[in-house]
C-alpha cells in the first residue's frame, strides 16, 4: 500500500513550475524567508488536502468491501482525468509559446513578479492544489485495511514525496547556498526546454495505471 501510494505521489510531485518558482524566491533579497514561506504553503496545502480526501473517502464508505465497484470506478475516473490533463498540457505545449514564470500572465506569474511573504506563501498553496495522481495516492491509503499507525506513516510519505521538489532545494540552499543556486539554475534551464514534456509523461503514466487498475477492479479481477 505504501509503495503504491508513494508511486502516485512521485508522479504528483513532478512540477517544473514549482521548481522554477523556487528559483525566483531564492533570487530575492530575503531568500531564506521567502523560500521557507513558499515551502510552508506547499506543505500546508498538501497535508490539508491529504487529510480532507482521506476523511471524505472514509466517510463515504469507499474503503468498505461492499463499495468495491464505486472504489474502482473512482480510480478509473481519476485515470481518465489524468489522461485528459496530459492531453491538455500537450495541446498547450504545441499551440502556446513557453514563457518564464516572471513573464507570464497567469496568477502565479503575477504573484512572483511582486515578491512578498504573502505572495511566497500563496504561491506554495496554489501550486500544490491536488491533482488526479495525488488524489489517487491518498485513495490507495484510504481504501486500505491498514492500521491507523500505518495509514499515518503512508500519509506522511505521500506528503513528503509530493512536496520534495520544493523542500529539498530549500534544505540544499540552507546547507550550501551558492552550490544550490548554481545547480538549480542548470536544472531550470533543462526544465524550460523539457518540463512540459515531463509533466505529460507523468500524467499519461499515472492515468494509464489508474485506468488499468480501475478497469480490472470493475471486471472482478481483484
N, C-alpha and C. Protein backbone atom coordinates (compact mmCIF):
# COMPACT_ATOMS: atom_id res chain seq x y z
N UNK A 1 0.82 -1.20 0.00
CA UNK A 1 0.00 0.00 0.00
C UNK A 1 0.86 1.27 0.00
N UNK A 2 1.85 1.29 0.87
CA UNK A 2 2.72 2.47 0.97
C UNK A 2 3.50 2.68 -0.33
N UNK A 3 4.00 1.60 -0.91
CA UNK A 3 4.77 1.73 -2.15
C UNK A 3 3.90 2.20 -3.31
N UNK A 4 2.68 1.68 -3.39
CA UNK A 4 1.78 2.11 -4.45
C UNK A 4 1.41 3.57 -4.30
N UNK A 5 1.10 3.99 -3.07
CA UNK A 5 0.77 5.39 -2.81
C UNK A 5 1.96 6.28 -3.10
N UNK A 6 3.16 5.82 -2.73
CA UNK A 6 4.37 6.60 -2.98
C UNK A 6 4.62 6.78 -4.47
N UNK A 7 4.29 5.74 -5.27
CA UNK A 7 4.46 5.84 -6.71
C UNK A 7 3.58 6.92 -7.31
N UNK A 8 2.32 6.97 -6.89
CA UNK A 8 1.42 8.03 -7.37
C UNK A 8 1.87 9.40 -6.87
N UNK A 9 2.36 9.45 -5.63
CA UNK A 9 2.84 10.72 -5.08
C UNK A 9 4.04 11.24 -5.86
N UNK A 10 4.90 10.33 -6.30
CA UNK A 10 6.06 10.73 -7.10
C UNK A 10 5.62 11.36 -8.41
N UNK A 11 4.61 10.78 -9.04
CA UNK A 11 4.08 11.36 -10.27
C UNK A 11 3.42 12.71 -9.99
N UNK A 12 2.72 12.80 -8.85
CA UNK A 12 2.06 14.06 -8.49
C UNK A 12 3.07 15.17 -8.21
N UNK A 13 4.25 14.78 -7.73
CA UNK A 13 5.26 15.78 -7.36
C UNK A 13 6.06 16.34 -8.52
N UNK A 14 5.85 15.80 -9.73
CA UNK A 14 6.57 16.32 -10.90
C UNK A 14 5.95 17.63 -11.32
N UNK A 15 6.58 18.73 -10.95
CA UNK A 15 6.04 20.07 -11.23
C UNK A 15 7.19 21.02 -11.54
N UNK A 16 7.57 21.12 -12.81
CA UNK A 16 8.64 22.04 -13.18
C UNK A 16 8.36 23.48 -12.76
N UNK A 17 7.09 23.89 -12.83
CA UNK A 17 6.74 25.26 -12.45
C UNK A 17 7.08 25.52 -10.98
N UNK A 18 6.84 24.53 -10.13
CA UNK A 18 7.14 24.69 -8.70
C UNK A 18 8.62 24.93 -8.48
N UNK A 19 9.45 24.23 -9.24
CA UNK A 19 10.91 24.40 -9.10
C UNK A 19 11.36 25.75 -9.66
N UNK A 20 10.75 26.17 -10.75
CA UNK A 20 11.09 27.47 -11.33
C UNK A 20 10.72 28.60 -10.37
N UNK A 21 9.58 28.47 -9.71
CA UNK A 21 9.15 29.48 -8.76
C UNK A 21 10.07 29.49 -7.54
N UNK A 22 10.54 28.31 -7.13
CA UNK A 22 11.52 28.26 -6.03
C UNK A 22 12.76 29.06 -6.38
N UNK A 23 13.22 28.94 -7.63
CA UNK A 23 14.40 29.71 -8.07
C UNK A 23 14.14 31.20 -7.98
N UNK A 24 12.90 31.61 -8.27
CA UNK A 24 12.55 33.03 -8.17
C UNK A 24 12.66 33.51 -6.72
N UNK A 25 12.11 32.75 -5.80
CA UNK A 25 12.15 33.16 -4.39
C UNK A 25 13.57 33.14 -3.84
N UNK A 26 14.38 32.19 -4.28
CA UNK A 26 15.77 32.15 -3.82
C UNK A 26 16.60 33.29 -4.41
N UNK A 27 16.08 33.94 -5.43
CA UNK A 27 16.78 35.07 -6.03
C UNK A 27 16.36 36.41 -5.49
N UNK A 28 15.49 36.43 -4.47
CA UNK A 28 15.04 37.70 -3.88
C UNK A 28 16.04 38.18 -2.84
N UNK A 29 15.77 39.35 -2.28
CA UNK A 29 16.67 39.95 -1.30
C UNK A 29 16.64 39.21 0.04
N UNK A 30 15.59 38.45 0.29
CA UNK A 30 15.47 37.68 1.54
C UNK A 30 15.12 36.23 1.19
N UNK A 31 16.05 35.52 0.57
CA UNK A 31 15.74 34.19 0.02
C UNK A 31 15.31 33.16 1.05
N UNK A 32 15.94 33.15 2.22
CA UNK A 32 15.59 32.14 3.21
C UNK A 32 14.14 32.27 3.66
N UNK A 33 13.73 33.49 3.96
CA UNK A 33 12.36 33.70 4.42
C UNK A 33 11.35 33.40 3.32
N UNK A 34 11.61 33.90 2.13
CA UNK A 34 10.66 33.72 1.04
C UNK A 34 10.53 32.24 0.65
N UNK A 35 11.66 31.55 0.54
CA UNK A 35 11.62 30.14 0.17
C UNK A 35 10.97 29.30 1.26
N UNK A 36 11.23 29.64 2.51
CA UNK A 36 10.63 28.90 3.63
C UNK A 36 9.11 29.06 3.63
N UNK A 37 8.63 30.28 3.42
CA UNK A 37 7.19 30.51 3.37
C UNK A 37 6.55 29.78 2.19
N UNK A 38 7.27 29.73 1.10
CA UNK A 38 6.80 29.00 -0.08
C UNK A 38 6.64 27.52 0.24
N UNK A 39 7.63 26.94 0.90
CA UNK A 39 7.57 25.53 1.28
C UNK A 39 6.46 25.29 2.30
N UNK A 40 6.32 26.19 3.26
CA UNK A 40 5.27 26.06 4.27
C UNK A 40 3.89 26.04 3.60
N UNK A 41 3.68 26.95 2.65
CA UNK A 41 2.41 26.97 1.94
C UNK A 41 2.15 25.68 1.19
N UNK A 42 3.20 25.15 0.55
CA UNK A 42 3.07 23.90 -0.19
C UNK A 42 2.74 22.73 0.73
N UNK A 43 3.43 22.65 1.85
CA UNK A 43 3.22 21.54 2.79
C UNK A 43 1.84 21.63 3.43
N UNK A 44 1.43 22.84 3.80
CA UNK A 44 0.11 23.00 4.41
C UNK A 44 -0.99 22.57 3.45
N UNK A 45 -0.89 23.00 2.20
CA UNK A 45 -1.89 22.60 1.21
C UNK A 45 -1.88 21.08 1.02
N UNK A 46 -0.71 20.49 0.92
CA UNK A 46 -0.61 19.05 0.70
C UNK A 46 -1.17 18.25 1.87
N UNK A 47 -0.81 18.65 3.08
CA UNK A 47 -1.32 17.96 4.26
C UNK A 47 -2.83 18.11 4.38
N UNK A 48 -3.30 19.34 4.21
CA UNK A 48 -4.73 19.61 4.34
C UNK A 48 -5.55 18.80 3.36
N UNK A 49 -5.11 18.76 2.10
CA UNK A 49 -5.87 18.03 1.08
C UNK A 49 -5.75 16.52 1.28
N UNK A 50 -4.61 16.05 1.76
CA UNK A 50 -4.46 14.62 2.02
C UNK A 50 -5.44 14.18 3.10
N UNK A 51 -5.50 14.94 4.18
CA UNK A 51 -6.41 14.62 5.28
C UNK A 51 -7.86 14.74 4.82
N UNK A 52 -8.16 15.79 4.04
CA UNK A 52 -9.54 16.01 3.58
C UNK A 52 -10.00 14.85 2.68
N UNK A 53 -9.17 14.46 1.72
CA UNK A 53 -9.53 13.36 0.83
C UNK A 53 -9.67 12.06 1.61
N UNK A 54 -8.76 11.83 2.55
CA UNK A 54 -8.82 10.63 3.39
C UNK A 54 -10.13 10.57 4.16
N UNK A 55 -10.52 11.68 4.76
CA UNK A 55 -11.75 11.73 5.55
C UNK A 55 -12.98 11.52 4.67
N UNK A 56 -13.00 12.19 3.51
CA UNK A 56 -14.15 12.06 2.61
C UNK A 56 -14.33 10.61 2.15
N UNK A 57 -13.23 9.98 1.78
CA UNK A 57 -13.32 8.59 1.32
C UNK A 57 -13.79 7.67 2.43
N UNK A 58 -13.30 7.91 3.63
CA UNK A 58 -13.71 7.08 4.76
C UNK A 58 -15.18 7.32 5.12
N UNK A 59 -15.61 8.59 5.09
CA UNK A 59 -16.99 8.91 5.45
C UNK A 59 -17.99 8.36 4.44
N UNK A 60 -17.59 8.32 3.17
CA UNK A 60 -18.48 7.80 2.14
C UNK A 60 -18.43 6.28 2.05
N UNK A 61 -17.56 5.65 2.84
CA UNK A 61 -17.51 4.20 2.91
C UNK A 61 -16.84 3.52 1.75
N UNK A 62 -16.05 4.26 0.97
CA UNK A 62 -15.38 3.65 -0.18
C UNK A 62 -14.32 2.63 0.23
N UNK A 63 -13.94 2.64 1.51
CA UNK A 63 -12.96 1.67 1.99
C UNK A 63 -13.60 0.33 2.35
N UNK A 64 -14.93 0.28 2.36
CA UNK A 64 -15.63 -0.94 2.75
C UNK A 64 -15.74 -1.91 1.57
N UNK A 65 -15.84 -3.19 1.88
CA UNK A 65 -15.84 -4.22 0.84
C UNK A 65 -17.04 -4.09 -0.09
N UNK A 66 -18.21 -3.71 0.45
CA UNK A 66 -19.40 -3.64 -0.40
C UNK A 66 -19.37 -2.44 -1.35
N UNK A 67 -18.36 -1.56 -1.18
CA UNK A 67 -18.20 -0.43 -2.08
C UNK A 67 -17.10 -0.70 -3.10
N UNK A 68 -16.93 -1.97 -3.43
CA UNK A 68 -15.87 -2.38 -4.35
C UNK A 68 -15.97 -1.66 -5.70
N UNK A 69 -17.14 -1.68 -6.32
CA UNK A 69 -17.30 -1.08 -7.64
C UNK A 69 -17.13 0.45 -7.63
N UNK A 70 -17.77 1.17 -6.69
CA UNK A 70 -17.54 2.62 -6.64
C UNK A 70 -16.07 2.98 -6.41
N UNK A 71 -15.37 2.17 -5.60
CA UNK A 71 -13.96 2.43 -5.32
C UNK A 71 -13.13 2.36 -6.60
N UNK A 72 -13.33 1.28 -7.35
CA UNK A 72 -12.56 1.14 -8.59
C UNK A 72 -13.09 2.05 -9.69
N UNK A 73 -14.38 2.39 -9.60
CA UNK A 73 -14.92 3.36 -10.54
C UNK A 73 -14.26 4.73 -10.35
N UNK A 74 -13.98 5.09 -9.10
CA UNK A 74 -13.29 6.34 -8.82
C UNK A 74 -11.88 6.32 -9.39
N UNK A 75 -11.19 5.19 -9.24
CA UNK A 75 -9.84 5.09 -9.80
C UNK A 75 -9.85 5.22 -11.32
N UNK A 76 -10.86 4.59 -11.93
CA UNK A 76 -10.99 4.70 -13.38
C UNK A 76 -11.24 6.15 -13.78
N UNK A 77 -12.10 6.83 -13.04
CA UNK A 77 -12.38 8.23 -13.33
C UNK A 77 -11.16 9.11 -13.15
N UNK A 78 -10.38 8.85 -12.12
CA UNK A 78 -9.14 9.62 -11.90
C UNK A 78 -8.15 9.38 -13.04
N UNK A 79 -8.13 8.15 -13.53
CA UNK A 79 -7.24 7.84 -14.65
C UNK A 79 -7.62 8.61 -15.90
N UNK A 80 -8.92 8.66 -16.18
CA UNK A 80 -9.41 9.42 -17.33
C UNK A 80 -9.07 10.89 -17.16
N UNK A 81 -9.24 11.41 -15.94
CA UNK A 81 -8.93 12.82 -15.67
C UNK A 81 -7.45 13.09 -15.88
N UNK A 82 -6.59 12.18 -15.42
CA UNK A 82 -5.15 12.36 -15.59
C UNK A 82 -4.76 12.35 -17.06
N UNK A 83 -5.34 11.43 -17.84
CA UNK A 83 -5.04 11.39 -19.27
C UNK A 83 -5.55 12.65 -19.97
N UNK A 84 -6.73 13.12 -19.57
CA UNK A 84 -7.26 14.35 -20.16
C UNK A 84 -6.34 15.53 -19.83
N UNK A 85 -5.79 15.54 -18.63
CA UNK A 85 -4.86 16.60 -18.25
C UNK A 85 -3.58 16.53 -19.08
N UNK A 86 -3.12 15.30 -19.35
CA UNK A 86 -1.93 15.14 -20.19
C UNK A 86 -2.18 15.68 -21.59
N UNK A 87 -3.35 15.39 -22.14
CA UNK A 87 -3.70 15.91 -23.47
C UNK A 87 -3.76 17.43 -23.46
N UNK A 88 -4.33 17.98 -22.41
CA UNK A 88 -4.45 19.44 -22.30
C UNK A 88 -3.07 20.10 -22.23
N UNK A 89 -2.18 19.55 -21.39
CA UNK A 89 -0.83 20.10 -21.28
C UNK A 89 -0.10 19.98 -22.60
N UNK A 90 -0.26 18.85 -23.28
CA UNK A 90 0.39 18.65 -24.58
C UNK A 90 -0.14 19.65 -25.61
N UNK A 91 -1.43 19.88 -25.58
CA UNK A 91 -2.03 20.85 -26.51
C UNK A 91 -1.46 22.24 -26.27
N UNK A 92 -1.36 22.63 -25.01
CA UNK A 92 -0.81 23.95 -24.70
C UNK A 92 0.64 24.04 -25.12
N UNK A 93 1.38 22.96 -24.95
CA UNK A 93 2.78 22.95 -25.33
C UNK A 93 2.95 23.15 -26.83
N UNK A 94 2.04 22.57 -27.60
CA UNK A 94 2.15 22.64 -29.04
C UNK A 94 1.60 23.93 -29.64
N UNK A 95 0.68 24.57 -28.93
CA UNK A 95 -0.01 25.72 -29.51
C UNK A 95 0.23 27.05 -28.80
N UNK A 96 0.96 27.02 -27.69
CA UNK A 96 1.22 28.28 -26.99
C UNK A 96 2.71 28.42 -26.72
N UNK A 97 3.24 29.63 -26.85
CA UNK A 97 4.67 29.85 -26.59
C UNK A 97 4.98 29.68 -25.12
N UNK A 98 6.13 29.10 -24.82
CA UNK A 98 6.56 28.93 -23.44
C UNK A 98 7.10 30.25 -22.91
N UNK A 99 6.78 30.57 -21.67
CA UNK A 99 7.22 31.82 -21.06
C UNK A 99 7.83 31.55 -19.70
N UNK A 100 8.65 32.46 -19.25
CA UNK A 100 9.23 32.36 -17.92
C UNK A 100 8.16 32.70 -16.88
N UNK A 101 8.29 32.17 -15.64
CA UNK A 101 7.31 32.47 -14.62
C UNK A 101 7.14 33.97 -14.41
N UNK A 102 8.23 34.74 -14.50
CA UNK A 102 8.13 36.17 -14.27
C UNK A 102 7.44 36.90 -15.42
N UNK A 103 7.44 36.30 -16.61
CA UNK A 103 6.93 36.97 -17.77
C UNK A 103 5.50 36.55 -18.13
N UNK A 104 5.01 35.53 -17.49
CA UNK A 104 3.70 35.02 -17.83
C UNK A 104 2.60 35.95 -17.37
N UNK A 105 1.37 35.62 -17.77
CA UNK A 105 0.23 36.46 -17.45
C UNK A 105 -0.71 35.79 -16.46
N UNK A 106 -0.36 34.61 -15.98
CA UNK A 106 -1.21 33.92 -15.04
C UNK A 106 -1.10 34.49 -13.64
N UNK A 107 -1.94 33.94 -12.75
CA UNK A 107 -1.97 34.45 -11.37
C UNK A 107 -0.65 34.20 -10.66
N UNK A 108 -0.07 33.01 -10.86
CA UNK A 108 1.22 32.70 -10.23
C UNK A 108 2.29 33.66 -10.73
N UNK A 109 2.27 33.96 -12.03
CA UNK A 109 3.24 34.88 -12.61
C UNK A 109 3.13 36.26 -11.97
N UNK A 110 1.91 36.69 -11.71
CA UNK A 110 1.72 38.00 -11.07
C UNK A 110 2.20 37.97 -9.63
N UNK A 111 2.02 36.83 -8.96
CA UNK A 111 2.49 36.72 -7.58
C UNK A 111 4.01 36.85 -7.49
N UNK A 112 4.72 36.11 -8.35
CA UNK A 112 6.18 36.11 -8.27
C UNK A 112 6.78 37.41 -8.81
N UNK A 113 6.00 38.16 -9.58
CA UNK A 113 6.51 39.43 -10.10
C UNK A 113 6.51 40.52 -9.04
N UNK A 114 5.80 40.28 -7.94
CA UNK A 114 5.74 41.24 -6.83
C UNK A 114 6.11 40.51 -5.54
N UNK A 115 7.39 40.24 -5.31
CA UNK A 115 7.83 39.44 -4.17
C UNK A 115 7.37 40.02 -2.83
N UNK A 116 6.78 39.15 -2.03
CA UNK A 116 6.37 39.49 -0.68
C UNK A 116 6.17 38.19 0.08
N UNK A 117 6.24 38.20 1.40
CA UNK A 117 5.99 36.98 2.17
C UNK A 117 4.63 36.37 1.86
N UNK A 118 3.62 37.21 1.72
CA UNK A 118 2.28 36.69 1.42
C UNK A 118 2.25 36.01 0.05
N UNK A 119 2.93 36.61 -0.92
CA UNK A 119 2.97 36.03 -2.26
C UNK A 119 3.70 34.69 -2.26
N UNK A 120 4.78 34.60 -1.50
CA UNK A 120 5.53 33.35 -1.43
C UNK A 120 4.68 32.24 -0.84
N UNK A 121 3.99 32.53 0.24
CA UNK A 121 3.12 31.54 0.87
C UNK A 121 1.98 31.15 -0.06
N UNK A 122 1.35 32.14 -0.68
CA UNK A 122 0.21 31.87 -1.56
C UNK A 122 0.62 31.04 -2.77
N UNK A 123 1.79 31.29 -3.31
CA UNK A 123 2.24 30.52 -4.47
C UNK A 123 2.43 29.05 -4.11
N UNK A 124 2.92 28.78 -2.90
CA UNK A 124 3.05 27.39 -2.45
C UNK A 124 1.71 26.71 -2.33
N UNK A 125 0.72 27.42 -1.77
CA UNK A 125 -0.63 26.87 -1.62
C UNK A 125 -1.25 26.57 -2.99
N UNK A 126 -1.15 27.53 -3.90
CA UNK A 126 -1.82 27.39 -5.19
C UNK A 126 -1.16 26.33 -6.08
N UNK A 127 0.16 26.30 -6.09
CA UNK A 127 0.85 25.35 -6.96
C UNK A 127 0.69 23.90 -6.50
N UNK A 128 0.35 23.72 -5.22
CA UNK A 128 0.22 22.36 -4.71
C UNK A 128 -1.23 21.97 -4.44
N UNK A 129 -2.14 22.63 -5.17
CA UNK A 129 -3.52 22.16 -5.18
C UNK A 129 -3.53 20.74 -5.75
N UNK A 130 -4.36 19.85 -5.23
CA UNK A 130 -4.28 18.43 -5.61
C UNK A 130 -4.71 18.15 -7.03
N UNK A 131 -3.99 17.23 -7.67
CA UNK A 131 -4.35 16.74 -8.99
C UNK A 131 -4.82 15.30 -8.90
N UNK A 132 -5.08 14.69 -10.05
CA UNK A 132 -5.62 13.34 -10.08
C UNK A 132 -4.68 12.32 -9.46
N UNK A 133 -3.38 12.43 -9.75
CA UNK A 133 -2.44 11.44 -9.23
C UNK A 133 -2.26 11.57 -7.71
N UNK A 134 -2.34 12.79 -7.20
CA UNK A 134 -2.26 12.97 -5.75
C UNK A 134 -3.48 12.36 -5.07
N UNK A 135 -4.67 12.63 -5.62
CA UNK A 135 -5.89 12.04 -5.05
C UNK A 135 -5.82 10.52 -5.12
N UNK A 136 -5.26 10.01 -6.21
CA UNK A 136 -5.11 8.55 -6.32
C UNK A 136 -4.21 8.00 -5.23
N UNK A 137 -3.14 8.73 -4.92
CA UNK A 137 -2.22 8.29 -3.87
C UNK A 137 -2.93 8.20 -2.53
N UNK A 138 -3.73 9.22 -2.22
CA UNK A 138 -4.46 9.22 -0.95
C UNK A 138 -5.55 8.15 -0.96
N UNK A 139 -6.17 7.93 -2.11
CA UNK A 139 -7.22 6.93 -2.19
C UNK A 139 -6.68 5.54 -1.91
N UNK A 140 -5.48 5.27 -2.39
CA UNK A 140 -4.85 3.97 -2.11
C UNK A 140 -4.74 3.77 -0.60
N UNK A 141 -4.35 4.83 0.10
CA UNK A 141 -4.22 4.74 1.56
C UNK A 141 -5.58 4.59 2.22
N UNK A 142 -6.52 5.44 1.81
CA UNK A 142 -7.83 5.48 2.47
C UNK A 142 -8.62 4.20 2.28
N UNK A 143 -8.44 3.52 1.16
CA UNK A 143 -9.23 2.30 0.90
C UNK A 143 -8.53 1.02 1.35
N UNK A 144 -7.38 1.18 2.00
CA UNK A 144 -6.68 0.00 2.51
C UNK A 144 -7.25 -0.40 3.87
N UNK A 145 -6.92 -1.59 4.29
CA UNK A 145 -7.35 -2.08 5.60
C UNK A 145 -6.21 -2.00 6.61
N UNK A 146 -5.30 -1.07 6.37
CA UNK A 146 -4.13 -0.93 7.23
C UNK A 146 -4.51 -0.32 8.58
N UNK A 147 -3.59 -0.46 9.53
CA UNK A 147 -3.80 0.11 10.85
C UNK A 147 -3.70 1.63 10.79
N UNK A 148 -4.17 2.27 11.84
CA UNK A 148 -4.12 3.75 11.90
C UNK A 148 -2.68 4.23 11.83
N UNK A 149 -1.78 3.52 12.51
CA UNK A 149 -0.37 3.92 12.51
C UNK A 149 0.22 3.85 11.11
N UNK A 150 -0.07 2.77 10.37
CA UNK A 150 0.47 2.61 9.03
C UNK A 150 -0.14 3.65 8.08
N UNK A 151 -1.41 3.95 8.25
CA UNK A 151 -2.06 4.98 7.44
C UNK A 151 -1.40 6.33 7.66
N UNK A 152 -1.10 6.63 8.93
CA UNK A 152 -0.44 7.90 9.25
C UNK A 152 0.94 7.98 8.60
N UNK A 153 1.68 6.88 8.67
CA UNK A 153 3.00 6.83 8.05
C UNK A 153 2.88 7.02 6.54
N UNK A 154 1.90 6.36 5.94
CA UNK A 154 1.71 6.46 4.49
C UNK A 154 1.36 7.89 4.08
N UNK A 155 0.54 8.57 4.85
CA UNK A 155 0.19 9.96 4.55
C UNK A 155 1.43 10.85 4.62
N UNK A 156 2.25 10.63 5.64
CA UNK A 156 3.50 11.41 5.77
C UNK A 156 4.40 11.17 4.55
N UNK A 157 4.50 9.91 4.13
CA UNK A 157 5.33 9.58 2.97
C UNK A 157 4.80 10.28 1.72
N UNK A 158 3.50 10.24 1.51
CA UNK A 158 2.89 10.87 0.34
C UNK A 158 3.12 12.38 0.35
N UNK A 159 2.93 13.00 1.50
CA UNK A 159 3.15 14.45 1.61
C UNK A 159 4.61 14.80 1.34
N UNK A 160 5.51 14.03 1.92
CA UNK A 160 6.95 14.30 1.74
C UNK A 160 7.37 14.15 0.29
N UNK A 161 6.89 13.11 -0.37
CA UNK A 161 7.29 12.87 -1.76
C UNK A 161 6.66 13.92 -2.69
N UNK A 162 5.40 14.24 -2.46
CA UNK A 162 4.72 15.21 -3.31
C UNK A 162 5.38 16.58 -3.26
N UNK A 163 5.84 16.97 -2.08
CA UNK A 163 6.42 18.31 -1.91
C UNK A 163 7.95 18.32 -1.94
N UNK A 164 8.57 17.19 -2.28
CA UNK A 164 10.04 17.10 -2.26
C UNK A 164 10.68 18.09 -3.23
N UNK A 165 9.97 18.43 -4.28
CA UNK A 165 10.53 19.31 -5.30
C UNK A 165 10.75 20.73 -4.79
N UNK A 166 10.15 21.06 -3.63
CA UNK A 166 10.40 22.38 -3.04
C UNK A 166 11.19 22.33 -1.73
N UNK A 167 10.92 21.31 -0.90
CA UNK A 167 11.63 21.32 0.38
C UNK A 167 13.08 20.84 0.24
N UNK A 168 13.36 20.00 -0.76
CA UNK A 168 14.74 19.56 -0.95
C UNK A 168 15.65 20.70 -1.42
N UNK A 169 15.23 21.53 -2.41
CA UNK A 169 16.06 22.68 -2.77
C UNK A 169 16.26 23.65 -1.61
N UNK A 170 15.24 23.81 -0.76
CA UNK A 170 15.39 24.71 0.39
C UNK A 170 16.46 24.18 1.34
N UNK A 171 16.42 22.88 1.64
CA UNK A 171 17.44 22.30 2.51
C UNK A 171 18.82 22.43 1.89
N UNK A 172 18.89 22.22 0.58
CA UNK A 172 20.17 22.38 -0.11
C UNK A 172 20.69 23.80 -0.03
N UNK A 173 19.78 24.76 -0.16
CA UNK A 173 20.19 26.17 -0.09
C UNK A 173 20.68 26.52 1.31
N UNK A 174 20.00 26.02 2.33
CA UNK A 174 20.41 26.31 3.71
C UNK A 174 21.78 25.72 4.01
N UNK A 175 22.09 24.58 3.38
CA UNK A 175 23.38 23.93 3.62
C UNK A 175 24.49 24.50 2.76
N UNK A 176 24.18 24.80 1.50
CA UNK A 176 25.20 25.29 0.56
C UNK A 176 24.53 26.23 -0.44
N UNK A 177 24.38 27.49 -0.09
CA UNK A 177 23.63 28.44 -0.94
C UNK A 177 24.16 28.57 -2.36
N UNK A 178 25.44 28.80 -2.52
CA UNK A 178 25.98 29.04 -3.85
C UNK A 178 25.89 27.81 -4.75
N UNK A 179 26.23 26.67 -4.19
CA UNK A 179 26.17 25.42 -4.98
C UNK A 179 24.73 25.10 -5.38
N UNK A 180 23.80 25.31 -4.46
CA UNK A 180 22.40 25.04 -4.76
C UNK A 180 21.86 25.96 -5.83
N UNK A 181 22.20 27.25 -5.75
CA UNK A 181 21.75 28.20 -6.76
C UNK A 181 22.30 27.83 -8.13
N UNK A 182 23.54 27.39 -8.17
CA UNK A 182 24.17 27.01 -9.44
C UNK A 182 23.49 25.77 -10.02
N UNK A 183 23.26 24.75 -9.19
CA UNK A 183 22.62 23.53 -9.66
C UNK A 183 21.17 23.80 -10.08
N UNK A 184 20.50 24.65 -9.31
CA UNK A 184 19.11 24.96 -9.61
C UNK A 184 18.99 25.71 -10.93
N UNK A 185 19.93 26.60 -11.18
CA UNK A 185 19.93 27.34 -12.45
C UNK A 185 20.14 26.39 -13.63
N UNK A 186 21.04 25.43 -13.47
CA UNK A 186 21.28 24.46 -14.53
C UNK A 186 20.04 23.58 -14.77
N UNK A 187 19.42 23.14 -13.67
CA UNK A 187 18.25 22.28 -13.79
C UNK A 187 17.08 23.04 -14.39
N UNK A 188 16.90 24.29 -13.99
CA UNK A 188 15.81 25.09 -14.52
C UNK A 188 15.97 25.33 -16.02
N UNK A 189 17.22 25.46 -16.45
CA UNK A 189 17.46 25.61 -17.88
C UNK A 189 16.96 24.40 -18.65
N UNK A 190 17.20 23.21 -18.10
CA UNK A 190 16.72 21.98 -18.74
C UNK A 190 15.20 21.90 -18.67
N UNK A 191 14.63 22.30 -17.53
CA UNK A 191 13.18 22.21 -17.35
C UNK A 191 12.43 23.15 -18.28
N UNK A 192 13.03 24.30 -18.58
CA UNK A 192 12.37 25.22 -19.51
C UNK A 192 12.21 24.58 -20.89
N UNK A 193 13.13 23.70 -21.22
CA UNK A 193 13.07 23.03 -22.51
C UNK A 193 12.21 21.77 -22.49
N UNK A 194 12.24 21.05 -21.38
CA UNK A 194 11.62 19.73 -21.35
C UNK A 194 10.56 19.57 -20.25
N UNK A 195 10.29 20.62 -19.48
CA UNK A 195 9.40 20.50 -18.33
C UNK A 195 8.00 20.02 -18.68
N UNK A 196 7.40 20.63 -19.70
CA UNK A 196 6.04 20.24 -20.05
C UNK A 196 5.97 18.81 -20.58
N UNK A 197 6.99 18.42 -21.30
CA UNK A 197 7.04 17.03 -21.79
C UNK A 197 7.08 16.07 -20.60
N UNK A 198 7.85 16.42 -19.59
CA UNK A 198 7.95 15.60 -18.39
C UNK A 198 6.60 15.48 -17.69
N UNK A 199 5.88 16.59 -17.61
CA UNK A 199 4.56 16.58 -16.99
C UNK A 199 3.59 15.71 -17.78
N UNK A 200 3.65 15.81 -19.10
CA UNK A 200 2.78 14.99 -19.95
C UNK A 200 3.03 13.51 -19.71
N UNK A 201 4.30 13.13 -19.66
CA UNK A 201 4.63 11.72 -19.41
C UNK A 201 4.12 11.26 -18.04
N UNK A 202 4.32 12.11 -17.02
CA UNK A 202 3.89 11.75 -15.67
C UNK A 202 2.38 11.55 -15.61
N UNK A 203 1.64 12.48 -16.21
CA UNK A 203 0.18 12.36 -16.21
C UNK A 203 -0.28 11.16 -17.03
N UNK A 204 0.37 10.93 -18.15
CA UNK A 204 -0.01 9.81 -19.01
C UNK A 204 0.24 8.48 -18.31
N UNK A 205 1.40 8.35 -17.67
CA UNK A 205 1.71 7.10 -16.95
C UNK A 205 0.74 6.89 -15.80
N UNK A 206 0.53 7.94 -15.00
CA UNK A 206 -0.40 7.83 -13.88
C UNK A 206 -1.81 7.51 -14.35
N UNK A 207 -2.25 8.17 -15.41
CA UNK A 207 -3.58 7.92 -15.94
C UNK A 207 -3.74 6.50 -16.46
N UNK A 208 -2.74 6.02 -17.18
CA UNK A 208 -2.81 4.66 -17.72
C UNK A 208 -2.87 3.62 -16.60
N UNK A 209 -2.05 3.81 -15.58
CA UNK A 209 -2.05 2.86 -14.45
C UNK A 209 -3.41 2.86 -13.75
N UNK A 210 -3.96 4.04 -13.53
CA UNK A 210 -5.26 4.14 -12.85
C UNK A 210 -6.38 3.54 -13.68
N UNK A 211 -6.35 3.78 -14.99
CA UNK A 211 -7.40 3.22 -15.85
C UNK A 211 -7.33 1.70 -15.85
N UNK A 212 -6.14 1.14 -15.99
CA UNK A 212 -5.99 -0.31 -15.98
C UNK A 212 -6.42 -0.89 -14.63
N UNK A 213 -5.98 -0.24 -13.55
CA UNK A 213 -6.32 -0.73 -12.20
C UNK A 213 -7.82 -0.66 -11.99
N UNK A 214 -8.42 0.48 -12.37
CA UNK A 214 -9.86 0.63 -12.19
C UNK A 214 -10.65 -0.35 -13.04
N UNK A 215 -10.25 -0.55 -14.28
CA UNK A 215 -10.96 -1.46 -15.17
C UNK A 215 -10.85 -2.90 -14.69
N UNK A 216 -9.67 -3.30 -14.24
CA UNK A 216 -9.51 -4.66 -13.73
C UNK A 216 -10.34 -4.87 -12.47
N UNK A 217 -10.39 -3.84 -11.62
CA UNK A 217 -11.20 -3.95 -10.42
C UNK A 217 -12.68 -4.09 -10.74
N UNK A 218 -13.17 -3.29 -11.68
CA UNK A 218 -14.58 -3.37 -12.06
C UNK A 218 -14.90 -4.69 -12.75
N UNK A 219 -13.89 -5.26 -13.41
CA UNK A 219 -14.10 -6.54 -14.10
C UNK A 219 -14.05 -7.72 -13.13
N UNK A 220 -13.73 -7.45 -11.87
CA UNK A 220 -13.72 -8.51 -10.87
C UNK A 220 -12.42 -9.27 -10.76
N UNK A 221 -11.36 -8.76 -11.38
CA UNK A 221 -10.07 -9.43 -11.30
C UNK A 221 -9.51 -9.34 -9.90
N UNK A 222 -9.72 -8.20 -9.21
CA UNK A 222 -9.24 -8.03 -7.84
C UNK A 222 -10.29 -8.48 -6.85
